[in-house]
N, C-alpha and C. Protein backbone atom coordinates (compact mmCIF):
# COMPACT_ATOMS: atom_id res chain seq x y z
N MET A 1 -41.44 -8.76 7.58
CA MET A 1 -40.66 -7.49 7.69
C MET A 1 -39.35 -7.71 8.34
N ARG A 2 -38.37 -7.19 7.75
CA ARG A 2 -37.02 -7.36 8.29
C ARG A 2 -36.75 -6.36 9.39
N ARG A 3 -36.05 -6.81 10.54
CA ARG A 3 -35.78 -5.99 11.70
C ARG A 3 -34.63 -5.05 11.33
N PRO A 4 -34.63 -3.83 11.72
CA PRO A 4 -33.48 -2.96 11.54
C PRO A 4 -32.21 -3.42 12.31
N ARG A 5 -31.06 -3.21 11.72
CA ARG A 5 -29.81 -3.63 12.36
C ARG A 5 -29.56 -2.75 13.62
N PHE A 6 -28.54 -3.24 14.35
CA PHE A 6 -28.17 -2.50 15.54
C PHE A 6 -27.20 -1.49 15.18
N SER A 7 -27.20 -0.31 15.95
CA SER A 7 -26.17 0.64 15.84
C SER A 7 -25.64 0.87 17.19
N ILE A 8 -24.34 1.05 17.28
CA ILE A 8 -23.60 1.30 18.50
C ILE A 8 -22.98 2.62 18.46
N ARG A 9 -23.08 3.40 19.47
CA ARG A 9 -22.40 4.70 19.62
C ARG A 9 -21.95 4.89 21.04
N ARG A 10 -20.94 5.78 21.12
CA ARG A 10 -20.52 6.19 22.46
C ARG A 10 -21.58 7.02 23.24
N ALA A 11 -21.80 6.67 24.43
CA ALA A 11 -22.77 7.42 25.21
C ALA A 11 -22.28 8.88 25.45
N THR A 12 -23.31 9.78 25.53
CA THR A 12 -23.04 11.17 25.79
C THR A 12 -23.81 11.57 27.01
N ARG A 13 -23.65 12.74 27.51
CA ARG A 13 -24.34 13.27 28.69
C ARG A 13 -25.89 13.15 28.43
N ARG A 14 -26.36 13.32 27.21
CA ARG A 14 -27.78 13.24 26.94
C ARG A 14 -28.31 11.84 27.22
N ASP A 15 -27.43 10.86 27.26
CA ASP A 15 -27.87 9.42 27.42
C ASP A 15 -28.02 9.07 28.95
N VAL A 16 -27.75 9.96 29.87
CA VAL A 16 -27.85 9.58 31.23
C VAL A 16 -29.10 8.97 31.75
N PRO A 17 -30.31 9.51 31.29
CA PRO A 17 -31.59 8.89 31.69
C PRO A 17 -31.62 7.43 31.12
N THR A 18 -31.19 7.26 29.91
CA THR A 18 -31.23 5.91 29.26
C THR A 18 -30.27 4.91 30.03
N ILE A 19 -29.13 5.44 30.42
CA ILE A 19 -28.15 4.61 31.12
C ILE A 19 -28.77 4.16 32.41
N VAL A 20 -29.27 5.13 33.18
CA VAL A 20 -29.91 4.80 34.49
C VAL A 20 -31.07 3.76 34.35
N ALA A 21 -31.86 4.00 33.30
CA ALA A 21 -32.96 3.01 33.12
C ALA A 21 -32.45 1.65 32.77
N LEU A 22 -31.40 1.57 31.99
CA LEU A 22 -30.80 0.26 31.66
C LEU A 22 -30.06 -0.42 32.90
N ILE A 23 -29.48 0.40 33.69
CA ILE A 23 -28.92 -0.07 34.98
C ILE A 23 -29.91 -0.69 35.80
N ARG A 24 -31.13 0.04 35.96
CA ARG A 24 -32.27 -0.44 36.71
C ARG A 24 -32.74 -1.82 36.15
N GLY A 25 -32.79 -1.93 34.78
CA GLY A 25 -33.22 -3.17 34.18
C GLY A 25 -32.23 -4.25 34.48
N LEU A 26 -30.99 -4.02 34.49
CA LEU A 26 -29.92 -4.99 34.85
C LEU A 26 -30.07 -5.32 36.31
N ALA A 27 -30.26 -4.42 37.14
CA ALA A 27 -30.43 -4.72 38.64
C ALA A 27 -31.58 -5.58 38.87
N GLU A 28 -32.69 -5.40 38.18
CA GLU A 28 -33.91 -6.19 38.34
C GLU A 28 -33.63 -7.62 37.78
N TYR A 29 -32.95 -7.71 36.68
CA TYR A 29 -32.69 -9.02 36.06
C TYR A 29 -31.72 -9.84 36.95
N GLU A 30 -30.79 -9.20 37.65
CA GLU A 30 -29.91 -9.81 38.56
C GLU A 30 -30.41 -10.00 39.94
N ARG A 31 -31.72 -9.59 40.22
CA ARG A 31 -32.31 -9.73 41.44
C ARG A 31 -31.58 -8.87 42.51
N LEU A 32 -31.06 -7.75 42.09
CA LEU A 32 -30.27 -6.88 42.97
C LEU A 32 -30.85 -5.50 43.02
N ALA A 33 -32.03 -5.27 42.60
CA ALA A 33 -32.72 -3.94 42.57
C ALA A 33 -32.65 -3.24 43.91
N HIS A 34 -32.69 -3.98 44.97
CA HIS A 34 -32.65 -3.45 46.37
C HIS A 34 -31.26 -2.83 46.60
N GLN A 35 -30.24 -3.17 45.85
CA GLN A 35 -28.83 -2.60 45.96
C GLN A 35 -28.57 -1.41 45.07
N MET A 36 -29.53 -1.10 44.27
CA MET A 36 -29.16 -0.03 43.27
C MET A 36 -29.26 1.26 43.97
N GLU A 37 -28.13 2.04 43.88
CA GLU A 37 -28.01 3.35 44.43
C GLU A 37 -27.63 4.36 43.35
N ALA A 38 -27.46 3.96 42.09
CA ALA A 38 -27.07 4.87 41.00
C ALA A 38 -28.27 5.84 40.79
N THR A 39 -27.83 7.04 40.62
CA THR A 39 -28.77 8.15 40.28
C THR A 39 -28.22 8.86 38.99
N ALA A 40 -29.14 9.63 38.37
CA ALA A 40 -28.76 10.38 37.19
C ALA A 40 -27.68 11.35 37.49
N ASP A 41 -27.69 11.92 38.73
CA ASP A 41 -26.57 12.84 39.05
C ASP A 41 -25.27 12.21 39.20
N ARG A 42 -25.23 10.98 39.80
CA ARG A 42 -23.97 10.25 39.95
C ARG A 42 -23.41 9.80 38.63
N ILE A 43 -24.31 9.28 37.77
CA ILE A 43 -23.90 8.87 36.45
C ILE A 43 -23.38 10.00 35.60
N ARG A 44 -24.02 11.16 35.64
CA ARG A 44 -23.60 12.32 34.94
C ARG A 44 -22.21 12.79 35.44
N ARG A 45 -21.99 12.80 36.77
CA ARG A 45 -20.82 13.23 37.41
C ARG A 45 -19.67 12.31 37.11
N HIS A 46 -19.93 11.07 37.34
CA HIS A 46 -18.78 10.07 37.16
C HIS A 46 -18.47 9.71 35.73
N GLY A 47 -19.43 9.80 34.80
CA GLY A 47 -19.21 9.32 33.46
C GLY A 47 -18.93 10.48 32.49
N PHE A 48 -19.39 11.75 32.88
CA PHE A 48 -19.35 12.80 31.91
C PHE A 48 -18.82 14.10 32.58
N GLY A 49 -18.37 14.05 33.80
CA GLY A 49 -17.83 15.18 34.51
C GLY A 49 -16.35 15.40 34.28
N ALA A 50 -15.73 16.20 35.18
CA ALA A 50 -14.35 16.57 34.99
C ALA A 50 -13.45 15.32 35.19
N ARG A 51 -13.77 14.49 36.09
CA ARG A 51 -13.00 13.20 36.30
C ARG A 51 -13.89 12.06 35.90
N ARG A 52 -13.60 11.45 34.83
CA ARG A 52 -14.48 10.36 34.24
C ARG A 52 -13.94 8.98 34.65
N TYR A 53 -14.78 8.28 35.37
CA TYR A 53 -14.48 7.01 35.87
C TYR A 53 -14.90 5.89 34.98
N PHE A 54 -15.77 6.16 34.01
CA PHE A 54 -16.24 5.13 33.10
C PHE A 54 -16.56 5.71 31.82
N GLU A 55 -16.75 4.80 30.80
CA GLU A 55 -17.20 5.21 29.43
C GLU A 55 -18.37 4.22 29.21
N ALA A 56 -19.19 4.53 28.19
CA ALA A 56 -20.31 3.64 27.90
C ALA A 56 -20.63 3.66 26.40
N LEU A 57 -21.19 2.52 26.02
CA LEU A 57 -21.74 2.44 24.58
C LEU A 57 -23.21 2.11 24.72
N ILE A 58 -23.95 2.72 23.82
CA ILE A 58 -25.36 2.53 23.76
C ILE A 58 -25.64 1.74 22.42
N CYS A 59 -26.48 0.64 22.56
CA CYS A 59 -26.88 -0.14 21.35
C CYS A 59 -28.34 0.22 21.11
N ARG A 60 -28.62 0.59 19.85
CA ARG A 60 -29.90 1.02 19.41
C ARG A 60 -30.40 0.14 18.22
N ARG A 61 -31.65 -0.05 18.26
CA ARG A 61 -32.26 -0.71 17.01
C ARG A 61 -33.54 0.02 16.72
N GLY A 62 -33.66 0.55 15.52
CA GLY A 62 -34.79 1.27 15.17
C GLY A 62 -35.05 2.49 16.02
N GLY A 63 -34.05 3.22 16.44
CA GLY A 63 -34.11 4.41 17.21
C GLY A 63 -34.37 4.28 18.69
N ARG A 64 -34.44 2.97 19.13
CA ARG A 64 -34.69 2.68 20.59
C ARG A 64 -33.48 2.10 21.18
N ALA A 65 -33.10 2.51 22.42
CA ALA A 65 -32.01 1.90 23.07
C ALA A 65 -32.44 0.59 23.59
N VAL A 66 -31.67 -0.49 23.16
CA VAL A 66 -31.94 -1.85 23.58
C VAL A 66 -30.95 -2.51 24.46
N GLY A 67 -29.83 -1.80 24.68
CA GLY A 67 -28.74 -2.28 25.50
C GLY A 67 -27.70 -1.32 25.72
N PHE A 68 -26.71 -1.63 26.63
CA PHE A 68 -25.53 -0.79 26.87
C PHE A 68 -24.41 -1.59 27.41
N ALA A 69 -23.25 -1.06 27.29
CA ALA A 69 -22.10 -1.55 27.97
C ALA A 69 -21.36 -0.42 28.70
N LEU A 70 -21.06 -0.60 29.93
CA LEU A 70 -20.33 0.38 30.74
C LEU A 70 -18.93 -0.22 31.10
N TYR A 71 -17.92 0.50 30.82
CA TYR A 71 -16.57 -0.04 30.87
C TYR A 71 -15.51 0.94 31.34
N PHE A 72 -14.38 0.51 31.72
CA PHE A 72 -13.28 1.38 32.07
C PHE A 72 -11.97 0.60 31.80
N PHE A 73 -10.88 1.28 32.01
CA PHE A 73 -9.58 0.60 31.75
C PHE A 73 -8.83 0.38 33.06
N THR A 74 -8.24 -0.82 33.24
CA THR A 74 -7.34 -1.17 34.22
C THR A 74 -6.05 -1.44 33.61
N TYR A 75 -5.00 -1.95 34.38
CA TYR A 75 -3.77 -2.19 33.85
C TYR A 75 -3.26 -3.62 34.27
N SER A 76 -2.72 -4.40 33.38
CA SER A 76 -2.13 -5.65 33.68
C SER A 76 -0.64 -5.51 33.80
N THR A 77 -0.18 -5.61 35.06
CA THR A 77 1.31 -5.52 35.30
C THR A 77 1.99 -6.64 34.66
N PHE A 78 1.46 -7.85 34.60
CA PHE A 78 2.17 -9.06 33.96
C PHE A 78 2.23 -8.82 32.39
N MET A 79 1.16 -8.24 31.84
CA MET A 79 1.18 -8.06 30.38
C MET A 79 1.91 -6.81 30.07
N GLY A 80 1.87 -5.82 30.92
CA GLY A 80 2.45 -4.56 30.62
C GLY A 80 1.61 -3.85 29.59
N ARG A 81 0.19 -4.05 29.73
CA ARG A 81 -0.74 -3.46 28.73
C ARG A 81 -2.03 -3.23 29.48
N PRO A 82 -2.77 -2.19 28.98
CA PRO A 82 -4.11 -2.00 29.61
C PRO A 82 -5.13 -3.18 29.34
N THR A 83 -6.16 -3.19 30.18
CA THR A 83 -7.19 -4.11 30.12
C THR A 83 -8.48 -3.31 29.99
N LEU A 84 -9.36 -3.65 29.05
CA LEU A 84 -10.68 -3.11 29.04
C LEU A 84 -11.57 -3.90 29.94
N TYR A 85 -12.01 -3.32 31.03
CA TYR A 85 -12.93 -4.11 31.94
C TYR A 85 -14.39 -3.68 31.75
N ILE A 86 -15.17 -4.60 31.49
CA ILE A 86 -16.66 -4.41 31.22
C ILE A 86 -17.32 -4.55 32.61
N GLU A 87 -17.82 -3.46 33.12
CA GLU A 87 -18.52 -3.47 34.42
C GLU A 87 -19.86 -3.95 34.22
N ASP A 88 -20.58 -3.51 33.17
CA ASP A 88 -21.92 -3.94 32.94
C ASP A 88 -22.15 -4.06 31.43
N LEU A 89 -22.74 -5.22 30.97
CA LEU A 89 -23.29 -5.35 29.63
C LEU A 89 -24.72 -5.86 29.80
N PHE A 90 -25.66 -5.13 29.28
CA PHE A 90 -27.03 -5.48 29.43
C PHE A 90 -27.82 -5.24 28.16
N VAL A 91 -28.64 -6.25 27.87
CA VAL A 91 -29.58 -6.09 26.73
C VAL A 91 -30.99 -6.39 27.26
N LEU A 92 -31.90 -5.61 26.80
CA LEU A 92 -33.29 -5.81 27.33
C LEU A 92 -33.67 -7.24 27.04
N PRO A 93 -34.47 -7.85 27.96
CA PRO A 93 -34.85 -9.24 27.84
C PRO A 93 -35.54 -9.59 26.45
N GLU A 94 -36.42 -8.73 26.07
CA GLU A 94 -37.13 -8.92 24.82
C GLU A 94 -36.25 -8.79 23.60
N GLU A 95 -35.01 -8.27 23.75
CA GLU A 95 -34.09 -8.20 22.56
C GLU A 95 -33.01 -9.22 22.62
N ARG A 96 -32.97 -10.09 23.58
CA ARG A 96 -31.93 -11.04 23.64
C ARG A 96 -32.10 -12.11 22.55
N GLY A 97 -30.86 -12.58 22.08
CA GLY A 97 -30.88 -13.63 21.04
C GLY A 97 -30.94 -13.10 19.63
N ARG A 98 -30.89 -11.76 19.51
CA ARG A 98 -30.97 -11.08 18.17
C ARG A 98 -29.70 -10.50 17.77
N GLY A 99 -28.67 -10.57 18.59
CA GLY A 99 -27.36 -10.06 18.16
C GLY A 99 -26.87 -8.77 18.86
N ALA A 100 -27.67 -8.20 19.68
CA ALA A 100 -27.23 -6.95 20.33
C ALA A 100 -26.07 -7.15 21.26
N GLY A 101 -26.06 -8.29 22.07
CA GLY A 101 -24.91 -8.48 22.99
C GLY A 101 -23.59 -8.72 22.11
N LYS A 102 -23.76 -9.51 21.16
CA LYS A 102 -22.55 -9.78 20.27
C LYS A 102 -22.04 -8.51 19.61
N THR A 103 -22.98 -7.64 19.22
CA THR A 103 -22.61 -6.39 18.57
C THR A 103 -21.88 -5.50 19.59
N LEU A 104 -22.38 -5.38 20.78
CA LEU A 104 -21.84 -4.68 21.78
C LEU A 104 -20.39 -5.12 22.15
N LEU A 105 -20.21 -6.47 22.33
CA LEU A 105 -18.98 -7.09 22.65
C LEU A 105 -17.97 -6.84 21.47
N ALA A 106 -18.44 -6.92 20.27
CA ALA A 106 -17.51 -6.73 19.12
C ALA A 106 -17.05 -5.32 19.05
N ALA A 107 -17.93 -4.35 19.39
CA ALA A 107 -17.53 -2.94 19.47
C ALA A 107 -16.50 -2.71 20.54
N LEU A 108 -16.69 -3.35 21.79
CA LEU A 108 -15.78 -3.23 22.80
C LEU A 108 -14.47 -3.88 22.41
N ALA A 109 -14.50 -4.95 21.80
CA ALA A 109 -13.21 -5.64 21.30
C ALA A 109 -12.42 -4.77 20.34
N ARG A 110 -13.17 -4.12 19.39
CA ARG A 110 -12.50 -3.21 18.51
C ARG A 110 -11.87 -1.99 19.21
N LEU A 111 -12.52 -1.51 20.19
CA LEU A 111 -12.06 -0.37 21.03
C LEU A 111 -10.73 -0.88 21.78
N ALA A 112 -10.82 -2.12 22.40
CA ALA A 112 -9.73 -2.58 23.19
C ALA A 112 -8.51 -2.84 22.26
N VAL A 113 -8.72 -3.28 21.02
CA VAL A 113 -7.55 -3.50 20.10
C VAL A 113 -7.04 -2.12 19.71
N ARG A 114 -7.82 -1.19 19.44
CA ARG A 114 -7.35 0.17 19.04
C ARG A 114 -6.57 0.87 20.17
N ARG A 115 -6.98 0.63 21.45
CA ARG A 115 -6.29 1.22 22.54
C ARG A 115 -5.08 0.41 23.08
N GLY A 116 -4.76 -0.68 22.43
CA GLY A 116 -3.56 -1.48 22.70
C GLY A 116 -3.85 -2.40 23.94
N CYS A 117 -5.06 -2.74 24.22
CA CYS A 117 -5.26 -3.57 25.35
C CYS A 117 -4.85 -5.12 25.04
N GLY A 118 -4.39 -5.69 26.09
CA GLY A 118 -3.95 -7.07 25.94
C GLY A 118 -5.20 -8.06 26.16
N ARG A 119 -6.26 -7.52 26.80
CA ARG A 119 -7.48 -8.38 27.04
C ARG A 119 -8.62 -7.58 27.40
N MET A 120 -9.72 -8.26 27.43
CA MET A 120 -11.05 -7.64 27.95
C MET A 120 -11.38 -8.63 29.08
N GLU A 121 -11.96 -8.10 30.23
CA GLU A 121 -12.42 -8.89 31.21
C GLU A 121 -13.72 -8.44 31.72
N TRP A 122 -14.55 -9.34 32.35
CA TRP A 122 -15.76 -9.02 32.98
C TRP A 122 -16.09 -10.09 33.93
N ALA A 123 -17.17 -9.92 34.70
CA ALA A 123 -17.61 -10.94 35.67
C ALA A 123 -19.04 -11.29 35.23
N VAL A 124 -19.43 -12.58 35.50
CA VAL A 124 -20.67 -13.09 35.24
C VAL A 124 -21.16 -13.88 36.46
N LEU A 125 -22.46 -13.63 36.82
CA LEU A 125 -22.95 -14.35 38.02
C LEU A 125 -23.02 -15.86 37.74
N ASP A 126 -22.75 -16.63 38.63
CA ASP A 126 -22.61 -18.16 38.37
C ASP A 126 -23.93 -18.72 38.06
N TRP A 127 -25.07 -18.19 38.39
CA TRP A 127 -26.38 -18.75 38.02
C TRP A 127 -26.84 -18.27 36.62
N ASN A 128 -26.09 -17.33 35.94
CA ASN A 128 -26.60 -16.80 34.76
C ASN A 128 -26.08 -17.67 33.51
N THR A 129 -26.63 -18.88 33.45
CA THR A 129 -26.20 -19.88 32.48
C THR A 129 -26.41 -19.41 31.03
N PRO A 130 -27.47 -18.70 30.75
CA PRO A 130 -27.52 -18.26 29.28
C PRO A 130 -26.33 -17.34 28.93
N ALA A 131 -25.97 -16.40 29.84
CA ALA A 131 -24.78 -15.51 29.56
C ALA A 131 -23.52 -16.32 29.54
N ILE A 132 -23.30 -17.31 30.37
CA ILE A 132 -22.13 -18.10 30.41
C ILE A 132 -22.00 -18.87 29.10
N ARG A 133 -23.06 -19.48 28.72
CA ARG A 133 -23.05 -20.17 27.35
C ARG A 133 -22.73 -19.30 26.23
N PHE A 134 -23.33 -18.04 26.19
CA PHE A 134 -22.97 -17.06 25.26
C PHE A 134 -21.54 -16.68 25.21
N TYR A 135 -20.96 -16.36 26.38
CA TYR A 135 -19.59 -16.00 26.43
C TYR A 135 -18.62 -17.13 25.95
N LYS A 136 -18.96 -18.31 26.40
CA LYS A 136 -18.20 -19.45 25.97
C LYS A 136 -18.17 -19.69 24.43
N ARG A 137 -19.36 -19.45 23.82
CA ARG A 137 -19.39 -19.55 22.37
C ARG A 137 -18.58 -18.54 21.70
N LEU A 138 -18.33 -17.39 22.32
CA LEU A 138 -17.46 -16.35 21.73
C LEU A 138 -16.06 -16.70 21.96
N GLY A 139 -15.71 -17.68 22.73
CA GLY A 139 -14.34 -18.03 23.12
C GLY A 139 -13.76 -17.54 24.40
N ALA A 140 -14.62 -16.95 25.18
CA ALA A 140 -14.12 -16.38 26.57
C ALA A 140 -13.92 -17.59 27.50
N GLY A 141 -12.91 -17.44 28.21
CA GLY A 141 -12.69 -18.49 29.23
C GLY A 141 -13.01 -18.04 30.54
N LEU A 142 -13.59 -18.93 31.35
CA LEU A 142 -14.04 -18.63 32.77
C LEU A 142 -12.87 -18.88 33.66
N ARG A 143 -12.50 -17.86 34.49
CA ARG A 143 -11.40 -18.09 35.36
C ARG A 143 -11.80 -18.43 36.79
N ARG A 144 -12.16 -19.66 37.08
CA ARG A 144 -12.66 -19.99 38.28
C ARG A 144 -11.58 -19.97 39.42
N GLU A 145 -10.34 -19.97 39.11
CA GLU A 145 -9.29 -19.91 40.15
C GLU A 145 -9.14 -18.49 40.73
N TRP A 146 -9.75 -17.53 40.08
CA TRP A 146 -9.76 -16.20 40.62
C TRP A 146 -10.99 -15.90 41.46
N ILE A 147 -10.92 -15.44 42.57
CA ILE A 147 -12.09 -15.14 43.43
C ILE A 147 -12.17 -13.67 43.57
N LEU A 148 -13.37 -13.08 43.22
CA LEU A 148 -13.57 -11.65 43.32
C LEU A 148 -13.65 -11.26 44.86
N ALA A 149 -12.77 -10.34 45.24
CA ALA A 149 -12.82 -9.84 46.60
C ALA A 149 -13.46 -8.43 46.62
N ARG A 150 -14.38 -8.14 47.54
CA ARG A 150 -15.04 -6.90 47.59
C ARG A 150 -15.06 -6.42 48.92
N LEU A 151 -14.67 -5.05 49.14
CA LEU A 151 -14.69 -4.37 50.38
C LEU A 151 -15.65 -3.21 50.15
N ALA A 152 -16.71 -3.18 51.02
CA ALA A 152 -17.78 -2.14 50.80
C ALA A 152 -18.38 -1.75 52.18
N GLY A 153 -19.14 -0.70 52.18
CA GLY A 153 -19.96 -0.33 53.38
C GLY A 153 -19.07 -0.05 54.54
N ALA A 154 -19.49 -0.59 55.73
CA ALA A 154 -18.78 -0.31 56.98
C ALA A 154 -17.37 -0.81 56.96
N PRO A 155 -17.09 -2.07 56.46
CA PRO A 155 -15.67 -2.51 56.37
C PRO A 155 -14.77 -1.50 55.59
N LEU A 156 -15.29 -1.03 54.52
CA LEU A 156 -14.47 0.02 53.72
C LEU A 156 -14.29 1.22 54.48
N GLN A 157 -15.33 1.65 55.21
CA GLN A 157 -15.21 2.94 55.91
C GLN A 157 -14.16 2.73 57.10
N ARG A 158 -14.26 1.59 57.80
CA ARG A 158 -13.32 1.24 58.94
C ARG A 158 -11.87 1.24 58.39
N LEU A 159 -11.64 0.57 57.24
CA LEU A 159 -10.28 0.47 56.72
C LEU A 159 -9.76 1.81 56.28
N GLY A 160 -10.66 2.57 55.76
CA GLY A 160 -10.27 3.92 55.27
C GLY A 160 -10.02 5.03 56.30
N ARG A 161 -10.35 4.72 57.53
CA ARG A 161 -10.10 5.64 58.62
C ARG A 161 -8.61 5.73 58.96
C-alpha cells in the first residue's frame, strides 16, 4: 500500500494544541523537556494574537500532523534583505526519513523567496548528527565561526532594570 503524500499548510489558531504537542515532542527529543514553558495560551497570544511574533507551518500525512516549522523574520543589514529564521523544525520520530522534513524546508524556502529573503537560517544542536547530515545534503553550510549568545532568566532581568 502506498503512503499518502505530505501536505503543508499555514498554521491557524485551531492548530494551537497540535503546535504545543509538537513543541513538547521536540523538547523531549532534544532532552530539554524540563525547560519547556510553552503553553497553549502563550502560543495562541504570540502566534495568533494582535502582535504576532511567529508564523508556523503544519505538515500532515493522511490527515495526521506529523511535523511543524515555527519561523519568523529578521533582517540582514549586510544583505539589506530579510532573513527567514527557523526557530523550530520537528518531525515525529516515526515519520523521519520519509520526506516530511524536506517538504517543510522546501515550503519555507518558497516562502523566503516569495518574501524577498536573502537567506534562511536556523540552529542545530552539535550532537544531532542525523539532522546535520540531512542539512548538509540539502546544501546548508554550518557556520561554526558564529557563536550563539543568549541572555535569559536573572541576567536578562538584571540588564533590563
